[in-house]
Amino acid sequence: MPKMKTNSAASKRVRITGSGKVMQVGSAMRHNLEHKSARKRRALSADAVLRGGQAKKLKQLLQK
């Protein structure tokens, strides 16, 4: 039986940490940044941790 392919859409959007957490790059940092305060931009630049069913489903898509 051939190997399963990793879902490329999921692999471009999330990453798995060494401890198994699913990290996602935050949204709202592409454009219109001049209207956001420095404090807001710093907070948005942090990666978000996905939990529960979302994390479980993405791990299945990534074959992890």
Protein backbone atom coordinates (compact mmCIF):
# COMPACT_ATOMS: atom_id res chain seq x y z
CA MET A 1 0.00 0.00 0.00
CA PRO A 2 1.44 3.43 -0.92
CA LYS A 3 2.16 6.13 1.60
CA MET A 4 -0.55 8.64 2.43
CA LYS A 5 -0.01 12.17 1.11
CA THR A 6 0.18 15.05 3.56
CA ASN A 7 -2.54 17.65 2.97
CA SER A 8 -0.53 20.53 1.47
CA ALA A 9 -3.12 23.21 2.32
CA ALA A 10 -2.94 22.29 6.00
CA SER A 11 0.86 22.03 6.01
CA LYS A 12 1.17 25.60 4.70
CA ARG A 13 -1.04 27.01 7.46
CA VAL A 14 -0.07 25.19 10.65
CA ARG A 15 2.96 23.59 12.27
CA ILE A 16 3.35 20.96 14.96
CA THR A 17 5.65 21.75 17.89
CA GLY A 18 7.98 19.23 19.47
CA SER A 19 5.50 18.63 22.28
CA GLY A 20 2.66 18.02 19.79
CA LYS A 21 0.83 21.35 19.97
CA VAL A 22 -0.69 22.70 16.75
CA MET A 23 0.37 26.31 16.09
CA GLN A 24 -1.33 28.61 13.59
CA VAL A 25 -0.09 31.97 12.33
CA GLY A 26 -2.44 34.73 13.47
CA SER A 27 -4.71 36.63 11.11
CA ALA A 28 -5.16 40.39 10.55
CA MET A 29 -1.46 41.07 9.90
CA ARG A 30 -1.48 41.32 6.09
CA HIS A 31 -2.49 44.92 5.41
CA ASN A 32 -4.03 48.06 6.98
CA LEU A 33 -1.44 47.89 9.75
CA GLU A 34 -1.11 51.67 9.94
CA HIS A 35 -4.53 51.82 11.62
CA LYS A 36 -3.53 49.38 14.37
CA SER A 37 -1.61 50.39 17.47
CA ALA A 38 1.86 48.99 18.15
CA ARG A 39 0.43 47.09 21.12
CA LYS A 40 -2.23 45.51 18.89
CA ARG A 41 0.33 44.58 16.21
CA ARG A 42 2.59 42.92 18.78
CA ALA A 43 -0.33 40.91 20.16
CA LEU A 44 -1.45 39.83 16.68
CA SER A 45 2.04 38.77 15.63
CA ALA A 46 2.06 35.89 18.14
CA ASP A 47 1.11 32.42 16.88
CA ALA A 48 -2.13 30.91 18.16
CA VAL A 49 -2.42 27.43 19.67
CA LEU A 50 -5.27 25.36 18.24
CA ARG A 51 -7.07 23.10 20.68
CA GLY A 52 -9.68 20.38 20.74
CA GLY A 53 -11.29 19.08 17.58
CA GLN A 54 -9.50 21.49 15.26
CA ALA A 55 -6.08 20.31 16.42
CA LYS A 56 -7.11 16.67 16.19
CA LYS A 57 -8.41 17.06 12.63
CA LEU A 58 -5.30 18.94 11.46
CA LYS A 59 -3.02 16.26 12.92
CA GLN A 60 -4.92 13.69 10.85
CA LEU A 61 -4.45 15.79 7.70
CA LEU A 62 -0.73 16.14 8.41
CA GLN A 63 -0.30 12.41 9.19
CA LYS A 64 1.08 13.18 12.68
